[in-house]
Amino acid sequence: MARNIIIMDSSASMRRIIRTMIQATVNDAIISEAHDAEEAQGLIEDAHYHLVIFSKESSGKKWLEFARKRLALPEGQRTNFILFTSSKKQDYFEEIKRYGIQEHIIIPCSPDALGELITRICTHFAMRTTRRYSVHDASASLEQGGNSFPAEVINFSEGGLLCELDAPAQLNWFMPAMLSMEFNIEGATLKVAGLYSVARRLMVVGANTDYSPSRIRLAYRFINVPEESKKQLTQVFGMIEKQEGLLGHED
């Protein structure tokens, strides 16, 4: 999952410097820029952002109140904030903490320092808006261009799937695929089909002697889930949670 980040500062050159530092260390960052608080608020209200990095000079009481409200939202909807400044005045750091903003970074700083701070605050686990499930021996099928590729399901949610499979030459991972999944839960075989999906991330987990990929891990996002597929997913989630509840009550 990409980290959606806003850089807010009145100086275009400073925004460019911060952007370059982030891009040097955070591989999955998608960066937007705002020259003032009003523009940043407009971006956040139109789309979901995980983090805003803002300067002291471009902020004020109204902005800090807005930040307080965003930080009070549930975790999946929350926007995090980092102040960057060349000042070392502790009184301002204490003031922003009263609004719930706990993090700041003093510039100039190294790209690694900024990257580590972003990674710590903006974790993939915290960015998830829906629960992920994992079932032993769950399988998937990826259909594309008349070909079908079997895969092992690592985990899945109502919004997507992480799977692992041998790397087939015929699979165009950057093109959409039709996914189906099959589960065996409490002796019942459950199927979820018709999940039109796009790949968001690929990782090579095994290589041949010539260094070409032998096994890959693919993260898919569902972009079209028919009503029947939603019902099938709900049934699977319910059976998993029921099973978890029974395990939790064992002596």
C-alpha atoms as a PDB file:
ATOM      1  CA  MET A   1       0.000   0.000   0.000  1.00  0.00           C
ATOM      2  CA  ALA A   2       1.361   3.389  -0.988  1.00  0.00           C
ATOM      3  CA  ARG A   3       1.965   6.122   1.571  1.00  0.00           C
ATOM      4  CA  ASN A   4       0.032   9.232   0.490  1.00  0.00           C
ATOM      5  CA  ILE A   5       1.921  12.278   1.764  1.00  0.00           C
ATOM      6  CA  ILE A   6       1.403  16.042   1.530  1.00  0.00           C
ATOM      7  CA  ILE A   7       4.309  18.489   1.848  1.00  0.00           C
ATOM      8  CA  MET A   8       3.019  21.886   2.976  1.00  0.00           C
ATOM      9  CA  ASP A   9       5.241  24.954   2.759  1.00  0.00           C
ATOM     10  CA  SER A  10       4.998  28.370   1.117  1.00  0.00           C
ATOM     11  CA  SER A  11       8.389  27.882  -0.557  1.00  0.00           C
ATOM     12  CA  ALA A  12       8.407  25.792  -3.742  1.00  0.00           C
ATOM     13  CA  SER A  13      12.148  25.199  -3.382  1.00  0.00           C
ATOM     14  CA  MET A  14      11.711  23.889   0.171  1.00  0.00           C
ATOM     15  CA  ARG A  15       8.894  21.589  -0.950  1.00  0.00           C
ATOM     16  CA  ARG A  16      11.197  20.292  -3.680  1.00  0.00           C
ATOM     17  CA  ILE A  17      13.999  19.624  -1.181  1.00  0.00           C
ATOM     18  CA  ILE A  18      11.670  17.697   1.160  1.00  0.00           C
ATOM     19  CA  ARG A  19      10.177  15.768  -1.786  1.00  0.00           C
ATOM     20  CA  THR A  20      13.651  14.728  -2.962  1.00  0.00           C
ATOM     21  CA  MET A  21      14.588  13.538   0.532  1.00  0.00           C
ATOM     22  CA  ILE A  22      11.428  11.434   0.790  1.00  0.00           C
ATOM     23  CA  GLN A  23      11.835   9.930  -2.673  1.00  0.00           C
ATOM     24  CA  ALA A  24      15.414   8.947  -1.822  1.00  0.00           C
ATOM     25  CA  THR A  25      14.332   6.816   1.146  1.00  0.00           C
ATOM     26  CA  VAL A  26      10.594   5.946   0.997  1.00  0.00           C
ATOM     27  CA  ASN A  27       9.980   3.778  -2.049  1.00  0.00           C
ATOM     28  CA  ASP A  28       6.181   3.720  -1.894  1.00  0.00           C
ATOM     29  CA  ALA A  29       5.529   7.429  -1.281  1.00  0.00           C
ATOM     30  CA  ILE A  30       2.978   9.254  -3.441  1.00  0.00           C
ATOM     31  CA  ILE A  31       3.595  12.940  -2.796  1.00  0.00           C
ATOM     32  CA  SER A  32       1.351  15.981  -3.208  1.00  0.00           C
ATOM     33  CA  GLU A  33       2.298  19.576  -2.462  1.00  0.00           C
ATOM     34  CA  ALA A  34       0.411  22.466  -0.874  1.00  0.00           C
ATOM     35  CA  HIS A  35       1.646  26.022  -0.501  1.00  0.00           C
ATOM     36  CA  ASP A  36      -0.586  26.840   2.480  1.00  0.00           C
ATOM     37  CA  ALA A  37      -2.958  25.313   5.027  1.00  0.00           C
ATOM     38  CA  GLU A  38      -6.085  26.059   2.998  1.00  0.00           C
ATOM     39  CA  GLU A  39      -4.755  24.152  -0.011  1.00  0.00           C
ATOM     40  CA  ALA A  40      -3.640  21.236   2.199  1.00  0.00           C
ATOM     41  CA  GLN A  41      -7.076  21.037   3.849  1.00  0.00           C
ATOM     42  CA  GLY A  42      -8.704  20.937   0.426  1.00  0.00           C
ATOM     43  CA  LEU A  43      -6.516  18.021  -0.624  1.00  0.00           C
ATOM     44  CA  ILE A  44      -7.275  16.070   2.562  1.00  0.00           C
ATOM     45  CA  GLU A  45     -11.015  16.666   2.268  1.00  0.00           C
ATOM     46  CA  ASP A  46     -11.014  15.418  -1.348  1.00  0.00           C
ATOM     47  CA  ALA A  47      -8.905  12.263  -0.800  1.00  0.00           C
ATOM     48  CA  HIS A  48      -7.300  10.177   1.931  1.00  0.00           C
ATOM     49  CA  TYR A  49      -3.777  11.143   2.971  1.00  0.00           C
ATOM     50  CA  HIS A  50      -1.764   9.272   5.583  1.00  0.00           C
ATOM     51  CA  LEU A  51       0.681  12.039   6.470  1.00  0.00           C
ATOM     52  CA  VAL A  52       1.260  15.798   6.192  1.00  0.00           C
ATOM     53  CA  ILE A  53       4.753  17.223   6.623  1.00  0.00           C
ATOM     54  CA  PHE A  54       4.378  20.943   7.263  1.00  0.00           C
ATOM     55  CA  SER A  55       6.515  23.918   8.233  1.00  0.00           C
ATOM     56  CA  LYS A  56       5.996  26.241  11.161  1.00  0.00           C
ATOM     57  CA  GLU A  57       5.892  29.223   8.808  1.00  0.00           C
ATOM     58  CA  SER A  58       3.007  27.798   6.757  1.00  0.00           C
ATOM     59  CA  SER A  59       0.789  26.918   9.721  1.00  0.00           C
ATOM     60  CA  GLY A  60      -1.314  28.723  12.295  1.00  0.00           C
ATOM     61  CA  LYS A  61      -3.993  28.170  14.951  1.00  0.00           C
ATOM     62  CA  LYS A  62      -6.638  27.238  12.376  1.00  0.00           C
ATOM     63  CA  TRP A  63      -4.317  24.639  10.858  1.00  0.00           C
ATOM     64  CA  LEU A  64      -3.456  23.180  14.255  1.00  0.00           C
ATOM     65  CA  GLU A  65      -7.143  22.878  15.115  1.00  0.00           C
ATOM     66  CA  PHE A  66      -7.699  21.075  11.818  1.00  0.00           C
ATOM     67  CA  ALA A  67      -4.805  18.732  12.655  1.00  0.00           C
ATOM     68  CA  ARG A  68      -6.303  18.021  16.077  1.00  0.00           C
ATOM     69  CA  LYS A  69      -9.582  16.926  14.440  1.00  0.00           C
ATOM     70  CA  ARG A  70      -7.797  14.702  11.894  1.00  0.00           C
ATOM     71  CA  LEU A  71      -5.733  13.036  14.628  1.00  0.00           C
ATOM     72  CA  ALA A  72      -8.893  12.272  16.628  1.00  0.00           C
ATOM     73  CA  LEU A  73     -10.392  10.154  13.824  1.00  0.00           C
ATOM     74  CA  PRO A  74     -10.318   6.328  13.922  1.00  0.00           C
ATOM     75  CA  GLU A  75      -6.968   4.877  12.882  1.00  0.00           C
ATOM     76  CA  GLY A  76      -7.981   3.924   9.339  1.00  0.00           C
ATOM     77  CA  GLN A  77      -9.226   7.482   8.629  1.00  0.00           C
ATOM     78  CA  ARG A  78      -6.577   9.399  10.552  1.00  0.00           C
ATOM     79  CA  THR A  79      -4.046  11.808   9.064  1.00  0.00           C
ATOM     80  CA  ASN A  80      -0.687  12.040  10.826  1.00  0.00           C
ATOM     81  CA  PHE A  81       1.424  15.193  11.009  1.00  0.00           C
ATOM     82  CA  ILE A  82       5.141  16.002  11.186  1.00  0.00           C
ATOM     83  CA  LEU A  83       6.440  19.528  11.729  1.00  0.00           C
ATOM     84  CA  PHE A  84       9.702  20.469  10.041  1.00  0.00           C
ATOM     85  CA  THR A  85      11.559  23.562  11.169  1.00  0.00           C
ATOM     86  CA  SER A  86      15.016  25.060  11.492  1.00  0.00           C
ATOM     87  CA  SER A  87      14.118  26.407  14.937  1.00  0.00           C
ATOM     88  CA  LYS A  88      14.961  24.562  18.133  1.00  0.00           C
ATOM     89  CA  LYS A  89      12.540  26.504  20.337  1.00  0.00           C
ATOM     90  CA  GLN A  90      10.984  24.059  22.755  1.00  0.00           C
ATOM     91  CA  ASP A  91       7.961  26.266  23.464  1.00  0.00           C
ATOM     92  CA  TYR A  92       6.591  25.750  19.956  1.00  0.00           C
ATOM     93  CA  PHE A  93       7.181  21.987  20.128  1.00  0.00           C
ATOM     94  CA  GLU A  94       5.213  21.947  23.378  1.00  0.00           C
ATOM     95  CA  GLU A  95       2.441  24.005  21.782  1.00  0.00           C
ATOM     96  CA  ILE A  96       1.934  21.629  18.851  1.00  0.00           C
ATOM     97  CA  LYS A  97       1.875  18.688  21.264  1.00  0.00           C
ATOM     98  CA  ARG A  98      -1.177  20.246  22.892  1.00  0.00           C
ATOM     99  CA  TYR A  99      -2.892  19.798  19.545  1.00  0.00           C
ATOM    100  CA  GLY A 100      -1.881  16.127  19.391  1.00  0.00           C
ATOM    101  CA  ILE A 101       1.074  16.543  17.015  1.00  0.00           C
ATOM    102  CA  GLN A 102       3.838  14.520  18.621  1.00  0.00           C
ATOM    103  CA  GLU A 103       6.507  14.517  15.923  1.00  0.00           C
ATOM    104  CA  HIS A 104       8.889  17.107  14.544  1.00  0.00           C
ATOM    105  CA  ILE A 105      12.177  17.117  12.680  1.00  0.00           C
ATOM    106  CA  ILE A 106      14.784  19.860  12.657  1.00  0.00           C
ATOM    107  CA  ILE A 107      16.247  20.774   9.275  1.00  0.00           C
ATOM    108  CA  PRO A 108      18.744  20.479   7.804  1.00  0.00           C
ATOM    109  CA  CYS A 109      18.581  16.720   8.361  1.00  0.00           C
ATOM    110  CA  SER A 110      19.630  13.633   6.436  1.00  0.00           C
ATOM    111  CA  PRO A 111      17.207  11.883   4.054  1.00  0.00           C
ATOM    112  CA  ASP A 112      17.618   8.727   6.159  1.00  0.00           C
ATOM    113  CA  ALA A 113      16.467  10.536   9.315  1.00  0.00           C
ATOM    114  CA  LEU A 114      13.328  11.809   7.590  1.00  0.00           C
ATOM    115  CA  GLY A 115      12.691   8.440   5.929  1.00  0.00           C
ATOM    116  CA  GLU A 116      12.986   6.575   9.242  1.00  0.00           C
ATOM    117  CA  LEU A 117      10.556   8.990  10.899  1.00  0.00           C
ATOM    118  CA  ILE A 118       7.993   8.604   8.089  1.00  0.00           C
ATOM    119  CA  THR A 119       8.303   4.805   8.171  1.00  0.00           C
ATOM    120  CA  ARG A 120       7.821   4.716  11.943  1.00  0.00           C
ATOM    121  CA  ILE A 121       4.756   6.969  11.944  1.00  0.00           C
ATOM    122  CA  CYS A 122       3.166   5.793   8.725  1.00  0.00           C
ATOM    123  CA  THR A 123       3.317   2.005   9.095  1.00  0.00           C
ATOM    124  CA  HIS A 124       1.536  -0.279   6.648  1.00  0.00           C
ATOM    125  CA  PHE A 125      -0.269  -1.965   9.543  1.00  0.00           C
ATOM    126  CA  ALA A 126      -1.727   1.332  10.742  1.00  0.00           C
ATOM    127  CA  MET A 127      -2.682   2.305   7.177  1.00  0.00           C
ATOM    128  CA  ARG A 128      -4.963  -0.701   6.716  1.00  0.00           C
ATOM    129  CA  THR A 129      -8.641   0.190   6.802  1.00  0.00           C
ATOM    130  CA  THR A 130      -9.991  -3.370   6.765  1.00  0.00           C
ATOM    131  CA  ARG A 131      -8.964  -6.526   8.579  1.00  0.00           C
ATOM    132  CA  ARG A 132      -6.846  -9.110   6.774  1.00  0.00           C
ATOM    133  CA  TYR A 133      -7.512 -12.817   7.152  1.00  0.00           C
ATOM    134  CA  SER A 134      -5.333 -15.874   6.636  1.00  0.00           C
ATOM    135  CA  VAL A 135      -6.529 -19.476   6.179  1.00  0.00           C
ATOM    136  CA  HIS A 136      -4.314 -22.554   6.026  1.00  0.00           C
ATOM    137  CA  ASP A 137      -4.096 -24.130   2.535  1.00  0.00           C
ATOM    138  CA  ALA A 138      -6.226 -21.436   0.883  1.00  0.00           C
ATOM    139  CA  SER A 139      -5.687 -21.262  -2.866  1.00  0.00           C
ATOM    140  CA  ALA A 140      -6.375 -18.796  -5.656  1.00  0.00           C
ATOM    141  CA  SER A 141      -6.627 -18.803  -9.410  1.00  0.00           C
ATOM    142  CA  LEU A 142      -5.516 -15.852 -11.558  1.00  0.00           C
ATOM    143  CA  GLU A 143      -7.188 -15.771 -14.968  1.00  0.00           C
ATOM    144  CA  GLN A 144      -5.795 -13.577 -17.688  1.00  0.00           C
ATOM    145  CA  GLY A 145      -5.944 -13.760 -21.476  1.00  0.00           C
ATOM    146  CA  GLY A 146      -7.258 -17.305 -21.563  1.00  0.00           C
ATOM    147  CA  ASN A 147      -4.590 -18.526 -19.130  1.00  0.00           C
ATOM    148  CA  SER A 148      -5.121 -19.632 -15.535  1.00  0.00           C
ATOM    149  CA  PHE A 149      -2.372 -19.473 -12.919  1.00  0.00           C
ATOM    150  CA  PRO A 150      -2.674 -21.264  -9.535  1.00  0.00           C
ATOM    151  CA  ALA A 151      -1.465 -19.395  -6.454  1.00  0.00           C
ATOM    152  CA  GLU A 152      -1.197 -19.769  -2.688  1.00  0.00           C
ATOM    153  CA  VAL A 153      -3.223 -17.245  -0.666  1.00  0.00           C
ATOM    154  CA  ILE A 154      -1.072 -15.517   1.977  1.00  0.00           C
ATOM    155  CA  ASN A 155      -3.800 -13.217   3.292  1.00  0.00           C
ATOM    156  CA  PHE A 156      -6.905 -11.404   2.035  1.00  0.00           C
ATOM    157  CA  SER A 157      -9.460  -8.780   2.980  1.00  0.00           C
ATOM    158  CA  GLU A 158     -12.634  -7.308   1.537  1.00  0.00           C
ATOM    159  CA  GLY A 159     -10.414  -5.060  -0.567  1.00  0.00           C
ATOM    160  CA  GLY A 160      -7.609  -7.249  -1.835  1.00  0.00           C
ATOM    161  CA  LEU A 161      -5.411 -10.326  -1.820  1.00  0.00           C
ATOM    162  CA  LEU A 162      -1.766 -11.198  -1.226  1.00  0.00           C
ATOM    163  CA  CYS A 163      -0.719 -14.399  -2.998  1.00  0.00           C
ATOM    164  CA  GLU A 164       2.397 -16.330  -3.974  1.00  0.00           C
ATOM    165  CA  LEU A 165       2.974 -18.371  -7.128  1.00  0.00           C
ATOM    166  CA  ASP A 166       5.578 -19.778  -9.485  1.00  0.00           C
ATOM    167  CA  ALA A 167       6.560 -17.052 -11.933  1.00  0.00           C
ATOM    168  CA  PRO A 168       4.881 -17.859 -15.278  1.00  0.00           C
ATOM    169  CA  ALA A 169       6.222 -16.179 -18.411  1.00  0.00           C
ATOM    170  CA  GLN A 170       2.673 -15.734 -19.732  1.00  0.00           C
ATOM    171  CA  LEU A 171       1.442 -13.669 -16.781  1.00  0.00           C
ATOM    172  CA  ASN A 172       1.430  -9.908 -17.386  1.00  0.00           C
ATOM    173  CA  TRP A 173       1.356  -8.859 -13.748  1.00  0.00           C
ATOM    174  CA  PHE A 174       0.839  -5.193 -14.641  1.00  0.00           C
ATOM    175  CA  MET A 175      -2.454  -6.013 -16.420  1.00  0.00           C
ATOM    176  CA  PRO A 176      -5.796  -6.714 -14.659  1.00  0.00           C
ATOM    177  CA  ALA A 177      -6.735 -10.302 -13.804  1.00  0.00           C
ATOM    178  CA  MET A 178      -9.892 -12.123 -12.753  1.00  0.00           C
ATOM    179  CA  LEU A 179      -9.326 -13.780  -9.373  1.00  0.00           C
ATOM    180  CA  SER A 180     -11.078 -16.579  -7.541  1.00  0.00           C
ATOM    181  CA  MET A 181     -10.268 -18.098  -4.153  1.00  0.00           C
ATOM    182  CA  GLU A 182     -11.032 -21.435  -2.501  1.00  0.00           C
ATOM    183  CA  PHE A 183     -10.992 -22.232   1.222  1.00  0.00           C
ATOM    184  CA  ASN A 184     -11.494 -25.320   3.345  1.00  0.00           C
ATOM    185  CA  ILE A 185     -12.932 -24.269   6.710  1.00  0.00           C
ATOM    186  CA  GLU A 186     -14.342 -26.760   9.224  1.00  0.00           C
ATOM    187  CA  GLY A 187     -14.612 -29.376   6.478  1.00  0.00           C
ATOM    188  CA  ALA A 188     -16.591 -27.103   4.142  1.00  0.00           C
ATOM    189  CA  THR A 189     -15.201 -25.919   0.823  1.00  0.00           C
ATOM    190  CA  LEU A 190     -15.977 -22.248   0.212  1.00  0.00           C
ATOM    191  CA  LYS A 191     -15.342 -20.383  -3.026  1.00  0.00           C
ATOM    192  CA  VAL A 192     -15.200 -16.690  -3.883  1.00  0.00           C
ATOM    193  CA  ALA A 193     -15.189 -15.887  -7.602  1.00  0.00           C
ATOM    194  CA  GLY A 194     -15.481 -12.957 -10.008  1.00  0.00           C
ATOM    195  CA  LEU A 195     -12.945 -10.638  -8.346  1.00  0.00           C
ATOM    196  CA  TYR A 196     -11.691  -8.314 -11.111  1.00  0.00           C
ATOM    197  CA  SER A 197      -8.355  -7.075  -9.757  1.00  0.00           C
ATOM    198  CA  VAL A 198      -5.204  -5.096 -10.438  1.00  0.00           C
ATOM    199  CA  ALA A 199      -1.739  -5.778  -9.043  1.00  0.00           C
ATOM    200  CA  ARG A 200      -0.366  -3.137  -6.677  1.00  0.00           C
ATOM    201  CA  ARG A 201       2.958  -4.687  -5.712  1.00  0.00           C
ATOM    202  CA  LEU A 202       5.275  -7.490  -6.823  1.00  0.00           C
ATOM    203  CA  MET A 203       8.067  -9.115  -4.823  1.00  0.00           C
ATOM    204  CA  VAL A 204      10.500 -11.745  -6.080  1.00  0.00           C
ATOM    205  CA  VAL A 205      10.830 -14.456  -3.413  1.00  0.00           C
ATOM    206  CA  GLY A 206      12.795 -17.056  -5.419  1.00  0.00           C
ATOM    207  CA  ALA A 207      15.196 -16.964  -8.358  1.00  0.00           C
ATOM    208  CA  ASN A 208      16.510 -19.387 -10.992  1.00  0.00           C
ATOM    209  CA  THR A 209      20.213 -20.046 -11.552  1.00  0.00           C
ATOM    210  CA  ASP A 210      20.192 -17.373 -14.287  1.00  0.00           C
ATOM    211  CA  TYR A 211      18.741 -14.892 -11.706  1.00  0.00           C
ATOM    212  CA  SER A 212      15.336 -14.716 -13.402  1.00  0.00           C
ATOM    213  CA  PRO A 213      12.362 -14.947 -10.991  1.00  0.00           C
ATOM    214  CA  SER A 214      11.225 -18.469 -10.144  1.00  0.00           C
ATOM    215  CA  ARG A 215       8.585 -17.499  -7.561  1.00  0.00           C
ATOM    216  CA  ILE A 216       6.805 -14.206  -6.955  1.00  0.00           C
ATOM    217  CA  ARG A 217       4.477 -12.651  -4.400  1.00  0.00           C
ATOM    218  CA  LEU A 218       1.712 -10.397  -5.749  1.00  0.00           C
ATOM    219  CA  ALA A 219      -0.553  -7.958  -3.907  1.00  0.00           C
ATOM    220  CA  TYR A 220      -3.853  -7.424  -5.722  1.00  0.00           C
ATOM    221  CA  ARG A 221      -6.557  -4.821  -5.145  1.00  0.00           C
ATOM    222  CA  PHE A 222     -10.133  -5.757  -6.007  1.00  0.00           C
ATOM    223  CA  ILE A 223     -11.584  -3.090  -8.301  1.00  0.00           C
ATOM    224  CA  ASN A 224     -14.921  -4.777  -9.045  1.00  0.00           C
ATOM    225  CA  VAL A 225     -16.645  -7.117  -6.574  1.00  0.00           C
ATOM    226  CA  PRO A 226     -20.099  -8.364  -7.699  1.00  0.00           C
ATOM    227  CA  GLU A 227     -22.847  -8.691  -5.083  1.00  0.00           C
ATOM    228  CA  GLU A 228     -22.619 -12.489  -5.129  1.00  0.00           C
ATOM    229  CA  SER A 229     -18.856 -12.298  -4.497  1.00  0.00           C
ATOM    230  CA  LYS A 230     -19.467  -9.919  -1.572  1.00  0.00           C
ATOM    231  CA  LYS A 231     -21.852 -12.461  -0.061  1.00  0.00           C
ATOM    232  CA  GLN A 232     -19.268 -15.209  -0.525  1.00  0.00           C
ATOM    233  CA  LEU A 233     -16.573 -13.093   1.157  1.00  0.00           C
ATOM    234  CA  THR A 234     -18.912 -12.266   4.052  1.00  0.00           C
ATOM    235  CA  GLN A 235     -19.598 -15.976   4.544  1.00  0.00           C
ATOM    236  CA  VAL A 236     -15.866 -16.757   4.615  1.00  0.00           C
ATOM    237  CA  PHE A 237     -15.156 -13.932   7.092  1.00  0.00           C
ATOM    238  CA  GLY A 238     -17.990 -15.135   9.324  1.00  0.00           C
ATOM    239  CA  MET A 239     -16.748 -18.724   9.422  1.00  0.00           C
ATOM    240  CA  ILE A 240     -13.185 -17.638  10.189  1.00  0.00           C
ATOM    241  CA  GLU A 241     -14.332 -15.366  13.026  1.00  0.00           C
ATOM    242  CA  LYS A 242     -16.586 -18.099  14.394  1.00  0.00           C
ATOM    243  CA  GLN A 243     -13.640 -20.506  14.370  1.00  0.00           C
ATOM    244  CA  GLU A 244     -11.459 -17.919  16.119  1.00  0.00           C
ATOM    245  CA  GLY A 245     -14.159 -17.432  18.759  1.00  0.00           C
ATOM    246  CA  LEU A 246     -14.309 -21.164  19.476  1.00  0.00           C
ATOM    247  CA  LEU A 247     -10.508 -21.335  19.780  1.00  0.00           C
ATOM    248  CA  GLY A 248     -10.547 -18.387  22.160  1.00  0.00           C
ATOM    249  CA  HIS A 249     -12.901 -20.245  24.524  1.00  0.00           C
ATOM    250  CA  GLU A 250     -10.878 -23.434  24.700  1.00  0.00           C
ATOM    251  CA  ASP A 251      -9.461 -24.276  28.125  1.00  0.00           C
END
